[in-house]
């Protein structure tokens, strides 16, 4: 028999996929709050779009770093969707605060 190289063994206890998602969502929440506080009013939506784009890249990198191929696209999609929802809720909160003069 010849040596075909080291074979990959199946993971016996896979890591939880929620850790990467929670990291992505926490960074998104912090970024959205910081954008809402520090961004100038005329450029607020531009900064939210830039922040969301960076969060999408972060979701991709975090799941790529995890190193498991099974469910990769689903995990990245969940991270991006969660980031979109969090960014939308925080920006809506800041919008309502501006309407009421808070």
PDB file of N, CA and C in Angstrom:
ATOM      1  N   UNK A   1       0.845  -1.173   0.000  1.00  0.00           N
ATOM      2  CA  UNK A   1       0.000   0.000   0.000  1.00  0.00           C
ATOM      3  C   UNK A   1       0.887   1.230   0.000  1.00  0.00           C
ATOM      4  N   UNK A   2       0.455   2.204  -0.716  1.00  0.00           N
ATOM      5  CA  UNK A   2       1.223   3.447  -0.729  1.00  0.00           C
ATOM      6  C   UNK A   2       0.568   4.476   0.183  1.00  0.00           C
ATOM      7  N   UNK A   3       1.346   5.459   0.561  1.00  0.00           N
ATOM      8  CA  UNK A   3       0.877   6.502   1.462  1.00  0.00           C
ATOM      9  C   UNK A   3       0.198   7.602   0.643  1.00  0.00           C
ATOM     10  N   UNK A   4      -1.068   7.829   0.897  1.00  0.00           N
ATOM     11  CA  UNK A   4      -1.811   8.872   0.187  1.00  0.00           C
ATOM     12  C   UNK A   4      -1.824  10.190   0.945  1.00  0.00           C
ATOM     13  N   UNK A   5      -0.999  10.342   1.927  1.00  0.00           N
ATOM     14  CA  UNK A   5      -0.960  11.566   2.718  1.00  0.00           C
ATOM     15  C   UNK A   5      -1.878  11.451   3.921  1.00  0.00           C
ATOM     16  N   UNK A   6      -1.819  12.462   4.718  1.00  0.00           N
ATOM     17  CA  UNK A   6      -2.642  12.469   5.930  1.00  0.00           C
ATOM     18  C   UNK A   6      -4.095  12.716   5.560  1.00  0.00           C
ATOM     19  N   UNK A   7      -4.943  11.859   6.043  1.00  0.00           N
ATOM     20  CA  UNK A   7      -6.372  12.022   5.781  1.00  0.00           C
ATOM     21  C   UNK A   7      -6.988  12.867   6.870  1.00  0.00           C
ATOM     22  N   UNK A   8      -7.977  13.636   6.498  1.00  0.00           N
ATOM     23  CA  UNK A   8      -8.690  14.445   7.480  1.00  0.00           C
ATOM     24  C   UNK A   8      -9.649  13.554   8.257  1.00  0.00           C
ATOM     25  N   UNK A   9      -9.617  13.694   9.565  1.00  0.00           N
ATOM     26  CA  UNK A   9     -10.520  12.929  10.402  1.00  0.00           C
ATOM     27  C   UNK A   9     -11.748  13.769  10.710  1.00  0.00           C
ATOM     28  N   UNK A  10     -12.898  13.131  10.836  1.00  0.00           N
ATOM     29  CA  UNK A  10     -14.097  13.901  11.165  1.00  0.00           C
ATOM     30  C   UNK A  10     -13.990  14.498  12.564  1.00  0.00           C
ATOM     31  N   UNK A  11     -14.588  15.648  12.720  1.00  0.00           N
ATOM     32  CA  UNK A  11     -14.575  16.321  14.007  1.00  0.00           C
ATOM     33  C   UNK A  11     -15.520  15.581  14.942  1.00  0.00           C
ATOM     34  N   UNK A  12     -15.011  15.173  16.092  1.00  0.00           N
ATOM     35  CA  UNK A  12     -15.836  14.417  17.025  1.00  0.00           C
ATOM     36  C   UNK A  12     -16.754  15.331  17.829  1.00  0.00           C
ATOM     37  N   UNK A  13     -16.248  16.478  18.217  1.00  0.00           N
ATOM     38  CA  UNK A  13     -17.046  17.440  18.981  1.00  0.00           C
ATOM     39  C   UNK A  13     -16.925  18.799  18.296  1.00  0.00           C
ATOM     40  N   UNK A  14     -17.772  19.061  17.301  1.00  0.00           N
ATOM     41  CA  UNK A  14     -17.653  20.327  16.576  1.00  0.00           C
ATOM     42  C   UNK A  14     -17.967  21.516  17.466  1.00  0.00           C
ATOM     43  N   UNK A  15     -17.290  22.617  17.166  1.00  0.00           N
ATOM     44  CA  UNK A  15     -17.524  23.843  17.930  1.00  0.00           C
ATOM     45  C   UNK A  15     -18.897  24.404  17.612  1.00  0.00           C
ATOM     46  N   UNK A  16     -19.423  25.158  18.526  1.00  0.00           N
ATOM     47  CA  UNK A  16     -20.746  25.741  18.354  1.00  0.00           C
ATOM     48  C   UNK A  16     -20.708  26.843  17.295  1.00  0.00           C
ATOM     49  N   UNK A  17     -21.642  26.837  16.360  1.00  0.00           N
ATOM     50  CA  UNK A  17     -21.645  27.878  15.329  1.00  0.00           C
ATOM     51  C   UNK A  17     -22.138  29.219  15.848  1.00  0.00           C
ATOM     52  N   UNK A  18     -22.747  29.226  17.033  1.00  0.00           N
ATOM     53  CA  UNK A  18     -23.334  30.462  17.546  1.00  0.00           C
ATOM     54  C   UNK A  18     -22.294  31.443  18.053  1.00  0.00           C
ATOM     55  N   UNK A  19     -21.102  30.972  18.390  1.00  0.00           N
ATOM     56  CA  UNK A  19     -20.067  31.877  18.894  1.00  0.00           C
ATOM     57  C   UNK A  19     -19.675  32.874  17.815  1.00  0.00           C
ATOM     58  N   UNK A  20     -19.461  32.401  16.606  1.00  0.00           N
ATOM     59  CA  UNK A  20     -19.105  33.296  15.504  1.00  0.00           C
ATOM     60  C   UNK A  20     -20.227  34.261  15.168  1.00  0.00           C
ATOM     61  N   UNK A  21     -21.462  33.791  15.254  1.00  0.00           N
ATOM     62  CA  UNK A  21     -22.599  34.664  14.977  1.00  0.00           C
ATOM     63  C   UNK A  21     -22.739  35.740  16.039  1.00  0.00           C
ATOM     64  N   UNK A  22     -22.572  35.363  17.291  1.00  0.00           N
ATOM     65  CA  UNK A  22     -22.700  36.330  18.380  1.00  0.00           C
ATOM     66  C   UNK A  22     -21.596  37.379  18.301  1.00  0.00           C
ATOM     67  N   UNK A  23     -20.395  36.966  17.942  1.00  0.00           N
ATOM     68  CA  UNK A  23     -19.292  37.926  17.774  1.00  0.00           C
ATOM     69  C   UNK A  23     -19.634  38.922  16.680  1.00  0.00           C
ATOM     70  N   UNK A  24     -20.123  38.442  15.564  1.00  0.00           N
ATOM     71  CA  UNK A  24     -20.491  39.324  14.458  1.00  0.00           C
ATOM     72  C   UNK A  24     -21.601  40.281  14.864  1.00  0.00           C
ATOM     73  N   UNK A  25     -22.609  39.768  15.533  1.00  0.00           N
ATOM     74  CA  UNK A  25     -23.739  40.616  15.926  1.00  0.00           C
ATOM     75  C   UNK A  25     -23.338  41.626  16.991  1.00  0.00           C
ATOM     76  N   UNK A  26     -22.459  41.250  17.915  1.00  0.00           N
ATOM     77  CA  UNK A  26     -22.009  42.197  18.948  1.00  0.00           C
ATOM     78  C   UNK A  26     -21.201  43.329  18.332  1.00  0.00           C
ATOM     79  N   UNK A  27     -20.321  42.999  17.400  1.00  0.00           N
ATOM     80  CA  UNK A  27     -19.539  44.039  16.721  1.00  0.00           C
ATOM     81  C   UNK A  27     -20.466  44.941  15.917  1.00  0.00           C
ATOM     82  N   UNK A  28     -21.484  44.375  15.307  1.00  0.00           N
ATOM     83  CA  UNK A  28     -22.455  45.169  14.555  1.00  0.00           C
ATOM     84  C   UNK A  28     -23.194  46.133  15.462  1.00  0.00           C
ATOM     85  N   UNK A  29     -23.621  45.673  16.618  1.00  0.00           N
ATOM     86  CA  UNK A  29     -24.344  46.544  17.547  1.00  0.00           C
ATOM     87  C   UNK A  29     -23.469  47.691  18.020  1.00  0.00           C
ATOM     88  N   UNK A  30     -22.225  47.399  18.370  1.00  0.00           N
ATOM     89  CA  UNK A  30     -21.311  48.452  18.815  1.00  0.00           C
ATOM     90  C   UNK A  30     -21.042  49.436  17.687  1.00  0.00           C
ATOM     91  N   UNK A  31     -20.812  48.931  16.484  1.00  0.00           N
ATOM     92  CA  UNK A  31     -20.550  49.809  15.344  1.00  0.00           C
ATOM     93  C   UNK A  31     -21.761  50.686  15.036  1.00  0.00           C
ATOM     94  N   UNK A  32     -22.958  50.128  15.090  1.00  0.00           N
ATOM     95  CA  UNK A  32     -24.163  50.908  14.793  1.00  0.00           C
ATOM     96  C   UNK A  32     -24.375  52.009  15.817  1.00  0.00           C
ATOM     97  N   UNK A  33     -24.123  51.716  17.077  1.00  0.00           N
ATOM     98  CA  UNK A  33     -24.279  52.735  18.119  1.00  0.00           C
ATOM     99  C   UNK A  33     -23.232  53.828  17.952  1.00  0.00           C
ATOM    100  N   UNK A  34     -21.989  53.442  17.673  1.00  0.00           N
ATOM    101  CA  UNK A  34     -20.942  54.443  17.480  1.00  0.00           C
ATOM    102  C   UNK A  34     -21.208  55.310  16.252  1.00  0.00           C
ATOM    103  N   UNK A  35     -21.711  54.709  15.190  1.00  0.00           N
ATOM    104  CA  UNK A  35     -22.059  55.482  13.996  1.00  0.00           C
ATOM    105  C   UNK A  35     -23.181  56.453  14.310  1.00  0.00           C
ATOM    106  N   UNK A  36     -24.184  55.989  15.033  1.00  0.00           N
ATOM    107  CA  UNK A  36     -25.303  56.861  15.389  1.00  0.00           C
ATOM    108  C   UNK A  36     -24.887  58.032  16.251  1.00  0.00           C
ATOM    109  N   UNK A  37     -23.878  57.844  17.085  1.00  0.00           N
ATOM    110  CA  UNK A  37     -23.439  58.913  17.974  1.00  0.00           C
ATOM    111  C   UNK A  37     -22.483  59.883  17.273  1.00  0.00           C
ATOM    112  N   UNK A  38     -21.519  59.362  16.530  1.00  0.00           N
ATOM    113  CA  UNK A  38     -20.430  60.191  16.033  1.00  0.00           C
ATOM    114  C   UNK A  38     -20.544  60.630  14.577  1.00  0.00           C
ATOM    115  N   UNK A  39     -21.376  59.997  13.770  1.00  0.00           N
ATOM    116  CA  UNK A  39     -21.452  60.367  12.351  1.00  0.00           C
ATOM    117  C   UNK A  39     -22.233  61.671  12.183  1.00  0.00           C
ATOM    118  N   UNK A  40     -21.795  62.530  11.260  1.00  0.00           N
ATOM    119  CA  UNK A  40     -22.551  63.757  11.007  1.00  0.00           C
ATOM    120  C   UNK A  40     -23.904  63.423  10.361  1.00  0.00           C
ATOM    121  N   UNK A  41     -24.900  64.230  10.659  1.00  0.00           N
ATOM    122  CA  UNK A  41     -26.277  63.950  10.216  1.00  0.00           C
ATOM    123  C   UNK A  41     -26.427  63.779   8.702  1.00  0.00           C
ATOM    124  N   UNK A  42     -25.806  64.621   7.864  1.00  0.00           N
ATOM    125  CA  UNK A  42     -25.998  64.424   6.419  1.00  0.00           C
ATOM    126  C   UNK A  42     -25.392  63.125   5.882  1.00  0.00           C
ATOM    127  N   UNK A  43     -24.403  62.582   6.569  1.00  0.00           N
ATOM    128  CA  UNK A  43     -23.730  61.375   6.092  1.00  0.00           C
ATOM    129  C   UNK A  43     -24.072  60.127   6.907  1.00  0.00           C
ATOM    130  N   UNK A  44     -25.113  60.205   7.697  1.00  0.00           N
ATOM    131  CA  UNK A  44     -25.440  59.114   8.614  1.00  0.00           C
ATOM    132  C   UNK A  44     -25.741  57.810   7.873  1.00  0.00           C
ATOM    133  N   UNK A  45     -26.576  57.850   6.860  1.00  0.00           N
ATOM    134  CA  UNK A  45     -26.925  56.616   6.134  1.00  0.00           C
ATOM    135  C   UNK A  45     -25.728  56.081   5.350  1.00  0.00           C
ATOM    136  N   UNK A  46     -24.884  56.971   4.869  1.00  0.00           N
ATOM    137  CA  UNK A  46     -23.674  56.520   4.174  1.00  0.00           C
ATOM    138  C   UNK A  46     -22.788  55.722   5.126  1.00  0.00           C
ATOM    139  N   UNK A  47     -22.644  56.216   6.339  1.00  0.00           N
ATOM    140  CA  UNK A  47     -21.824  55.508   7.322  1.00  0.00           C
ATOM    141  C   UNK A  47     -22.468  54.206   7.763  1.00  0.00           C
ATOM    142  N   UNK A  48     -23.798  54.170   7.818  1.00  0.00           N
ATOM    143  CA  UNK A  48     -24.461  52.901   8.150  1.00  0.00           C
ATOM    144  C   UNK A  48     -24.223  51.857   7.060  1.00  0.00           C
ATOM    145  N   UNK A  49     -24.237  52.272   5.810  1.00  0.00           N
ATOM    146  CA  UNK A  49     -23.975  51.333   4.708  1.00  0.00           C
ATOM    147  C   UNK A  49     -22.532  50.840   4.765  1.00  0.00           C
ATOM    148  N   UNK A  50     -21.592  51.745   5.035  1.00  0.00           N
ATOM    149  CA  UNK A  50     -20.189  51.345   5.155  1.00  0.00           C
ATOM    150  C   UNK A  50     -20.018  50.388   6.339  1.00  0.00           C
ATOM    151  N   UNK A  51     -20.645  50.697   7.460  1.00  0.00           N
ATOM    152  CA  UNK A  51     -20.565  49.820   8.624  1.00  0.00           C
ATOM    153  C   UNK A  51     -21.152  48.456   8.358  1.00  0.00           C
ATOM    154  N   UNK A  52     -22.281  48.419   7.644  1.00  0.00           N
ATOM    155  CA  UNK A  52     -22.887  47.130   7.321  1.00  0.00           C
ATOM    156  C   UNK A  52     -21.986  46.324   6.383  1.00  0.00           C
ATOM    157  N   UNK A  53     -21.373  46.984   5.430  1.00  0.00           N
ATOM    158  CA  UNK A  53     -20.446  46.291   4.527  1.00  0.00           C
ATOM    159  C   UNK A  53     -19.280  45.677   5.278  1.00  0.00           C
ATOM    160  N   UNK A  54     -18.748  46.410   6.245  1.00  0.00           N
ATOM    161  CA  UNK A  54     -17.655  45.870   7.052  1.00  0.00           C
ATOM    162  C   UNK A  54     -18.124  44.705   7.917  1.00  0.00           C
ATOM    163  N   UNK A  55     -19.357  44.762   8.387  1.00  0.00           N
ATOM    164  CA  UNK A  55     -19.899  43.657   9.185  1.00  0.00           C
ATOM    165  C   UNK A  55     -20.125  42.411   8.338  1.00  0.00           C
ATOM    166  N   UNK A  56     -20.484  42.585   7.077  1.00  0.00           N
ATOM    167  CA  UNK A  56     -20.619  41.440   6.163  1.00  0.00           C
ATOM    168  C   UNK A  56     -19.258  40.789   5.959  1.00  0.00           C
ATOM    169  N   UNK A  57     -18.238  41.615   5.758  1.00  0.00           N
ATOM    170  CA  UNK A  57     -16.885  41.066   5.625  1.00  0.00           C
ATOM    171  C   UNK A  57     -16.439  40.368   6.909  1.00  0.00           C
ATOM    172  N   UNK A  58     -16.793  40.943   8.052  1.00  0.00           N
ATOM    173  CA  UNK A  58     -16.457  40.319   9.331  1.00  0.00           C
ATOM    174  C   UNK A  58     -17.145  38.969   9.481  1.00  0.00           C
ATOM    175  N   UNK A  59     -18.412  38.881   9.088  1.00  0.00           N
ATOM    176  CA  UNK A  59     -19.138  37.606   9.165  1.00  0.00           C
ATOM    177  C   UNK A  59     -18.454  36.549   8.306  1.00  0.00           C
ATOM    178  N   UNK A  60     -18.013  36.949   7.129  1.00  0.00           N
ATOM    179  CA  UNK A  60     -17.316  36.017   6.236  1.00  0.00           C
ATOM    180  C   UNK A  60     -16.001  35.557   6.859  1.00  0.00           C
ATOM    181  N   UNK A  61     -15.225  36.500   7.386  1.00  0.00           N
ATOM    182  CA  UNK A  61     -13.914  36.162   7.958  1.00  0.00           C
ATOM    183  C   UNK A  61     -14.064  35.286   9.203  1.00  0.00           C
ATOM    184  N   UNK A  62     -15.026  35.597  10.057  1.00  0.00           N
ATOM    185  CA  UNK A  62     -15.212  34.810  11.279  1.00  0.00           C
ATOM    186  C   UNK A  62     -15.585  33.373  10.928  1.00  0.00           C
ATOM    187  N   UNK A  63     -16.466  33.183   9.971  1.00  0.00           N
ATOM    188  CA  UNK A  63     -16.864  31.822   9.598  1.00  0.00           C
ATOM    189  C   UNK A  63     -15.761  31.107   8.824  1.00  0.00           C
ATOM    190  N   UNK A  64     -14.965  31.860   8.071  1.00  0.00           N
ATOM    191  CA  UNK A  64     -13.830  31.261   7.374  1.00  0.00           C
ATOM    192  C   UNK A  64     -12.770  30.814   8.377  1.00  0.00           C
ATOM    193  N   UNK A  65     -12.567  31.602   9.424  1.00  0.00           N
ATOM    194  CA  UNK A  65     -11.607  31.267  10.463  1.00  0.00           C
ATOM    195  C   UNK A  65     -12.026  30.017  11.231  1.00  0.00           C
ATOM    196  N   UNK A  66     -13.316  29.787  11.299  1.00  0.00           N
ATOM    197  CA  UNK A  66     -13.829  28.605  12.009  1.00  0.00           C
ATOM    198  C   UNK A  66     -13.330  27.318  11.364  1.00  0.00           C
ATOM    199  N   UNK A  67     -13.199  27.315  10.054  1.00  0.00           N
ATOM    200  CA  UNK A  67     -12.570  26.196   9.361  1.00  0.00           C
ATOM    201  C   UNK A  67     -13.440  24.985   9.116  1.00  0.00           C
ATOM    202  N   UNK A  68     -14.747  25.116   9.206  1.00  0.00           N
ATOM    203  CA  UNK A  68     -15.625  23.979   8.925  1.00  0.00           C
ATOM    204  C   UNK A  68     -16.421  24.285   7.658  1.00  0.00           C
ATOM    205  N   UNK A  69     -16.406  23.357   6.723  1.00  0.00           N
ATOM    206  CA  UNK A  69     -17.066  23.607   5.448  1.00  0.00           C
ATOM    207  C   UNK A  69     -18.569  23.350   5.501  1.00  0.00           C
ATOM    208  N   UNK A  70     -18.986  22.439   6.364  1.00  0.00           N
ATOM    209  CA  UNK A  70     -20.395  22.092   6.430  1.00  0.00           C
ATOM    210  C   UNK A  70     -21.209  23.259   6.996  1.00  0.00           C
ATOM    211  N   UNK A  71     -22.161  23.773   6.222  1.00  0.00           N
ATOM    212  CA  UNK A  71     -23.027  24.846   6.678  1.00  0.00           C
ATOM    213  C   UNK A  71     -22.416  26.229   6.586  1.00  0.00           C
ATOM    214  N   UNK A  72     -21.323  26.373   5.831  1.00  0.00           N
ATOM    215  CA  UNK A  72     -20.615  27.651   5.753  1.00  0.00           C
ATOM    216  C   UNK A  72     -21.512  28.768   5.219  1.00  0.00           C
ATOM    217  N   UNK A  73     -22.180  28.521   4.123  1.00  0.00           N
ATOM    218  CA  UNK A  73     -23.012  29.564   3.502  1.00  0.00           C
ATOM    219  C   UNK A  73     -24.186  29.919   4.410  1.00  0.00           C
ATOM    220  N   UNK A  74     -24.757  28.950   5.059  1.00  0.00           N
ATOM    221  CA  UNK A  74     -25.864  29.216   5.982  1.00  0.00           C
ATOM    222  C   UNK A  74     -25.403  30.071   7.160  1.00  0.00           C
ATOM    223  N   UNK A  75     -24.221  29.774   7.701  1.00  0.00           N
ATOM    224  CA  UNK A  75     -23.706  30.571   8.828  1.00  0.00           C
ATOM    225  C   UNK A  75     -23.366  31.992   8.411  1.00  0.00           C
ATOM    226  N   UNK A  76     -22.767  32.156   7.247  1.00  0.00           N
ATOM    227  CA  UNK A  76     -22.455  33.505   6.756  1.00  0.00           C
ATOM    228  C   UNK A  76     -23.741  34.278   6.491  1.00  0.00           C
ATOM    229  N   UNK A  77     -24.727  33.620   5.911  1.00  0.00           N
ATOM    230  CA  UNK A  77     -26.012  34.283   5.646  1.00  0.00           C
ATOM    231  C   UNK A  77     -26.701  34.677   6.948  1.00  0.00           C
ATOM    232  N   UNK A  78     -26.643  33.821   7.957  1.00  0.00           N
ATOM    233  CA  UNK A  78     -27.241  34.151   9.254  1.00  0.00           C
ATOM    234  C   UNK A  78     -26.521  35.323   9.906  1.00  0.00           C
ATOM    235  N   UNK A  79     -25.211  35.364   9.787  1.00  0.00           N
ATOM    236  CA  UNK A  79     -24.449  36.485  10.329  1.00  0.00           C
ATOM    237  C   UNK A  79     -24.787  37.793   9.632  1.00  0.00           C
ATOM    238  N   UNK A  80     -24.910  37.748   8.305  1.00  0.00           N
ATOM    239  CA  UNK A  80     -25.241  38.951   7.536  1.00  0.00           C
ATOM    240  C   UNK A  80     -26.671  39.415   7.809  1.00  0.00           C
ATOM    241  N   UNK A  81     -27.600  38.481   7.879  1.00  0.00           N
ATOM    242  CA  UNK A  81     -28.993  38.850   8.154  1.00  0.00           C
ATOM    243  C   UNK A  81     -29.140  39.435   9.557  1.00  0.00           C
ATOM    244  N   UNK A  82     -28.487  38.824  10.522  1.00  0.00           N
ATOM    245  CA  UNK A  82     -28.516  39.372  11.872  1.00  0.00           C
ATOM    246  C   UNK A  82     -27.893  40.758  11.935  1.00  0.00           C
ATOM    247  N   UNK A  83     -26.782  40.954  11.219  1.00  0.00           N
ATOM    248  CA  UNK A  83     -26.145  42.268  11.183  1.00  0.00           C
ATOM    249  C   UNK A  83     -27.068  43.299  10.549  1.00  0.00           C
ATOM    250  N   UNK A  84     -27.770  42.903   9.501  1.00  0.00           N
ATOM    251  CA  UNK A  84     -28.707  43.820   8.846  1.00  0.00           C
ATOM    252  C   UNK A  84     -29.847  44.200   9.787  1.00  0.00           C
ATOM    253  N   UNK A  85     -30.399  43.221  10.489  1.00  0.00           N
ATOM    254  CA  UNK A  85     -31.491  43.507  11.423  1.00  0.00           C
ATOM    255  C   UNK A  85     -31.031  44.392  12.579  1.00  0.00           C
ATOM    256  N   UNK A  86     -29.878  44.095  13.127  1.00  0.00           N
ATOM    257  CA  UNK A  86     -29.359  44.902  14.236  1.00  0.00           C
ATOM    258  C   UNK A  86     -29.073  46.325  13.781  1.00  0.00           C
ATOM    259  N   UNK A  87     -28.437  46.455  12.629  1.00  0.00           N
ATOM    260  CA  UNK A  87     -28.132  47.793  12.094  1.00  0.00           C
ATOM    261  C   UNK A  87     -29.426  48.561  11.834  1.00  0.00           C
ATOM    262  N   UNK A  88     -30.437  47.895  11.318  1.00  0.00           N
ATOM    263  CA  UNK A  88     -31.720  48.550  11.052  1.00  0.00           C
ATOM    264  C   UNK A  88     -32.445  48.967  12.317  1.00  0.00           C
ATOM    265  N   UNK A  89     -32.440  48.109  13.316  1.00  0.00           N
ATOM    266  CA  UNK A  89     -33.123  48.438  14.572  1.00  0.00           C
ATOM    267  C   UNK A  89     -32.438  49.604  15.276  1.00  0.00           C
ATOM    268  N   UNK A  90     -31.105  49.583  15.319  1.00  0.00           N
ATOM    269  CA  UNK A  90     -30.376  50.669  15.978  1.00  0.00           C
ATOM    270  C   UNK A  90     -30.564  51.985  15.228  1.00  0.00           C
ATOM    271  N   UNK A  91     -30.496  51.937  13.886  1.00  0.00           N
ATOM    272  CA  UNK A  91     -30.681  53.180  13.123  1.00  0.00           C
ATOM    273  C   UNK A  91     -32.111  53.695  13.252  1.00  0.00           C
ATOM    274  N   UNK A  92     -33.093  52.805  13.319  1.00  0.00           N
ATOM    275  CA  UNK A  92     -34.472  53.239  13.533  1.00  0.00           C
ATOM    276  C   UNK A  92     -34.633  53.865  14.913  1.00  0.00           C
ATOM    277  N   UNK A  93     -33.952  53.314  15.894  1.00  0.00           N
ATOM    278  CA  UNK A  93     -33.983  53.903  17.242  1.00  0.00           C
ATOM    279  C   UNK A  93     -33.406  55.302  17.258  1.00  0.00           C
ATOM    280  N   UNK A  94     -32.299  55.503  16.562  1.00  0.00           N
ATOM    281  CA  UNK A  94     -31.730  56.849  16.484  1.00  0.00           C
ATOM    282  C   UNK A  94     -32.643  57.797  15.700  1.00  0.00           C
ATOM    283  N   UNK A  95     -33.291  57.269  14.663  1.00  0.00           N
ATOM    284  CA  UNK A  95     -34.230  58.095  13.895  1.00  0.00           C
ATOM    285  C   UNK A  95     -35.429  58.534  14.725  1.00  0.00           C
ATOM    286  N   UNK A  96     -35.966  57.635  15.512  1.00  0.00           N
ATOM    287  CA  UNK A  96     -37.087  57.976  16.383  1.00  0.00           C
ATOM    288  C   UNK A  96     -36.656  58.973  17.453  1.00  0.00           C
ATOM    289  N   UNK A  97     -35.431  58.804  17.958  1.00  0.00           N
ATOM    290  CA  UNK A  97     -34.905  59.748  18.955  1.00  0.00           C
ATOM    291  C   UNK A  97     -34.778  61.149  18.359  1.00  0.00           C
ATOM    292  N   UNK A  98     -34.368  61.237  17.105  1.00  0.00           N
ATOM    293  CA  UNK A  98     -34.268  62.553  16.459  1.00  0.00           C
ATOM    294  C   UNK A  98     -35.645  63.160  16.263  1.00  0.00           C
ATOM    295  N   UNK A  99     -36.638  62.357  15.900  1.00  0.00           N
ATOM    296  CA  UNK A  99     -37.991  62.874  15.708  1.00  0.00           C
ATOM    297  C   UNK A  99     -38.565  63.459  16.987  1.00  0.00           C
ATOM    298  N   UNK A 100     -38.281  62.834  18.118  1.00  0.00           N
ATOM    299  CA  UNK A 100     -38.814  63.310  19.389  1.00  0.00           C
ATOM    300  C   UNK A 100     -37.873  64.273  20.104  1.00  0.00           C
ATOM    301  N   UNK A 101     -36.752  64.583  19.493  1.00  0.00           N
ATOM    302  CA  UNK A 101     -35.827  65.567  20.047  1.00  0.00           C
ATOM    303  C   UNK A 101     -35.076  65.101  21.280  1.00  0.00           C
ATOM    304  N   UNK A 102     -34.816  63.825  21.369  1.00  0.00           N
ATOM    305  CA  UNK A 102     -34.091  63.288  22.527  1.00  0.00           C
ATOM    306  C   UNK A 102     -32.612  63.407  22.291  1.00  0.00           C
TER     307      UNK A 102
END
